[in-house]
Amino acid sequence: METIVGGNIDMEFHEGGQETEADVRLRLRDGTEVKAHGATVRHPSDPARQRIGEEIAAARALNDLAKQLLDKASADISETTHQPTRLRH
């Protein structure tokens, strides 16, 4: 399969106390940029495990990114076909 276009995903974590946040940015070659965010809060009785908080925050940010991309694709299809389109999340 030939790759026609690629993109880059950057992810950055912010941690403070019991909170972990992830910010994701997808940049496509056509200049499109989509940003997403995910967060989690560690329960006070849970042990402090930085990696676990990062995994959860990253998963939520990537889930947000996926939803935004589906909404964007749906809008692009509707614009092309002049028919209402809604892709399921």
C-alpha atoms as a PDB file:
ATOM      1  CA  MET A   1       0.000   0.000   0.000  1.00  0.00           C
ATOM      2  CA  GLU A   2       1.338   3.429  -0.923  1.00  0.00           C
ATOM      3  CA  THR A   3       1.409   6.227   1.649  1.00  0.00           C
ATOM      4  CA  ILE A   4      -0.023   9.364   0.071  1.00  0.00           C
ATOM      5  CA  VAL A   5      -0.064  11.670   3.072  1.00  0.00           C
ATOM      6  CA  GLY A   6       1.219  11.465   6.611  1.00  0.00           C
ATOM      7  CA  GLY A   7       0.857  13.421   9.794  1.00  0.00           C
ATOM      8  CA  ASN A   8       2.519  13.974  13.125  1.00  0.00           C
ATOM      9  CA  ILE A   9       1.040  13.664  16.604  1.00  0.00           C
ATOM     10  CA  ASP A  10       2.630  15.538  19.502  1.00  0.00           C
ATOM     11  CA  MET A  11       1.627  14.753  23.067  1.00  0.00           C
ATOM     12  CA  GLU A  12       2.538  16.694  26.181  1.00  0.00           C
ATOM     13  CA  PHE A  13       1.771  15.796  29.789  1.00  0.00           C
ATOM     14  CA  HIS A  14       1.162  18.149  32.702  1.00  0.00           C
ATOM     15  CA  GLU A  15       1.135  16.782  36.216  1.00  0.00           C
ATOM     16  CA  GLY A  16       0.394  18.366  39.538  1.00  0.00           C
ATOM     17  CA  GLY A  17      -0.650  16.744  42.769  1.00  0.00           C
ATOM     18  CA  GLN A  18      -3.178  14.056  41.929  1.00  0.00           C
ATOM     19  CA  GLU A  19      -4.014  15.420  38.469  1.00  0.00           C
ATOM     20  CA  THR A  20      -2.530  14.427  35.120  1.00  0.00           C
ATOM     21  CA  GLU A  21      -3.428  16.108  31.837  1.00  0.00           C
ATOM     22  CA  ALA A  22      -2.464  15.291  28.267  1.00  0.00           C
ATOM     23  CA  ASP A  23      -2.575  17.693  25.339  1.00  0.00           C
ATOM     24  CA  VAL A  24      -2.422  16.211  21.851  1.00  0.00           C
ATOM     25  CA  ARG A  25      -1.873  18.000  18.562  1.00  0.00           C
ATOM     26  CA  LEU A  26      -2.256  16.343  15.172  1.00  0.00           C
ATOM     27  CA  ARG A  27      -0.675  18.142  12.227  1.00  0.00           C
ATOM     28  CA  LEU A  28      -1.453  16.890   8.750  1.00  0.00           C
ATOM     29  CA  ARG A  29       0.599  17.761   5.687  1.00  0.00           C
ATOM     30  CA  ASP A  30      -2.238  19.850   4.256  1.00  0.00           C
ATOM     31  CA  GLY A  31      -1.883  22.244   7.193  1.00  0.00           C
ATOM     32  CA  THR A  32      -4.832  20.936   9.160  1.00  0.00           C
ATOM     33  CA  GLU A  33      -4.212  20.980  12.913  1.00  0.00           C
ATOM     34  CA  VAL A  34      -6.482  19.332  15.464  1.00  0.00           C
ATOM     35  CA  LYS A  35      -5.937  19.715  19.210  1.00  0.00           C
ATOM     36  CA  ALA A  36      -7.378  17.512  21.935  1.00  0.00           C
ATOM     37  CA  HIS A  37      -7.201  17.235  25.710  1.00  0.00           C
ATOM     38  CA  GLY A  38      -7.533  14.464  28.271  1.00  0.00           C
ATOM     39  CA  ALA A  39      -7.283  14.464  32.050  1.00  0.00           C
ATOM     40  CA  THR A  40      -7.480  12.208  35.060  1.00  0.00           C
ATOM     41  CA  VAL A  41      -7.423  12.589  38.837  1.00  0.00           C
ATOM     42  CA  ARG A  42      -5.843   9.940  41.039  1.00  0.00           C
ATOM     43  CA  HIS A  43      -7.960   8.784  43.962  1.00  0.00           C
ATOM     44  CA  PRO A  44      -6.238   9.760  47.234  1.00  0.00           C
ATOM     45  CA  SER A  45      -6.066   6.136  48.381  1.00  0.00           C
ATOM     46  CA  ASP A  46      -4.355   4.957  45.156  1.00  0.00           C
ATOM     47  CA  PRO A  47      -0.556   4.753  45.048  1.00  0.00           C
ATOM     48  CA  ALA A  48       1.209   7.466  43.059  1.00  0.00           C
ATOM     49  CA  ARG A  49       2.045   5.874  39.688  1.00  0.00           C
ATOM     50  CA  GLN A  50       2.892   8.565  37.151  1.00  0.00           C
ATOM     51  CA  ARG A  51       2.768   6.188  34.176  1.00  0.00           C
ATOM     52  CA  ILE A  52      -0.804   5.084  34.903  1.00  0.00           C
ATOM     53  CA  GLY A  53      -2.069   8.662  35.064  1.00  0.00           C
ATOM     54  CA  GLU A  54      -0.299   9.419  31.796  1.00  0.00           C
ATOM     55  CA  GLU A  55      -1.845   6.362  30.127  1.00  0.00           C
ATOM     56  CA  ILE A  56      -5.365   7.338  31.181  1.00  0.00           C
ATOM     57  CA  ALA A  57      -4.952  11.016  30.249  1.00  0.00           C
ATOM     58  CA  ALA A  58      -3.392  10.042  26.895  1.00  0.00           C
ATOM     59  CA  ALA A  59      -6.206   7.603  26.120  1.00  0.00           C
ATOM     60  CA  ARG A  60      -8.808  10.273  26.872  1.00  0.00           C
ATOM     61  CA  ALA A  61      -6.978  12.849  24.739  1.00  0.00           C
ATOM     62  CA  LEU A  62      -6.684  10.416  21.825  1.00  0.00           C
ATOM     63  CA  ASN A  63     -10.363   9.515  22.193  1.00  0.00           C
ATOM     64  CA  ASP A  64     -11.209  13.229  22.001  1.00  0.00           C
ATOM     65  CA  LEU A  65      -8.972  13.535  18.930  1.00  0.00           C
ATOM     66  CA  ALA A  66     -10.723  10.590  17.248  1.00  0.00           C
ATOM     67  CA  LYS A  67     -14.145  12.138  17.855  1.00  0.00           C
ATOM     68  CA  GLN A  68     -13.013  15.466  16.419  1.00  0.00           C
ATOM     69  CA  LEU A  69     -11.580  13.769  13.331  1.00  0.00           C
ATOM     70  CA  LEU A  70     -14.823  11.849  12.749  1.00  0.00           C
ATOM     71  CA  ASP A  71     -16.815  15.090  13.082  1.00  0.00           C
ATOM     72  CA  LYS A  72     -14.448  16.829  10.655  1.00  0.00           C
ATOM     73  CA  ALA A  73     -14.680  13.979   8.141  1.00  0.00           C
ATOM     74  CA  SER A  74     -18.468  14.010   8.453  1.00  0.00           C
ATOM     75  CA  ALA A  75     -18.557  17.747   7.723  1.00  0.00           C
ATOM     76  CA  ASP A  76     -16.195  17.277   4.766  1.00  0.00           C
ATOM     77  CA  ILE A  77     -18.416  14.512   3.331  1.00  0.00           C
ATOM     78  CA  SER A  78     -21.534  16.654   3.772  1.00  0.00           C
ATOM     79  CA  GLU A  79     -19.822  19.567   2.059  1.00  0.00           C
ATOM     80  CA  THR A  80     -18.885  17.359  -0.904  1.00  0.00           C
ATOM     81  CA  THR A  81     -22.145  15.443  -1.262  1.00  0.00           C
ATOM     82  CA  HIS A  82     -24.524  18.214  -0.139  1.00  0.00           C
ATOM     83  CA  GLN A  83     -26.222  15.572   2.034  1.00  0.00           C
ATOM     84  CA  PRO A  84     -26.339  15.485   5.825  1.00  0.00           C
ATOM     85  CA  THR A  85     -23.754  13.023   7.106  1.00  0.00           C
ATOM     86  CA  ARG A  86     -22.954  11.905  10.622  1.00  0.00           C
ATOM     87  CA  LEU A  87     -20.272   9.335  11.330  1.00  0.00           C
ATOM     88  CA  ARG A  88     -20.690   7.387  14.558  1.00  0.00           C
ATOM     89  CA  HIS A  89     -18.128   7.797  17.348  1.00  0.00           C
END
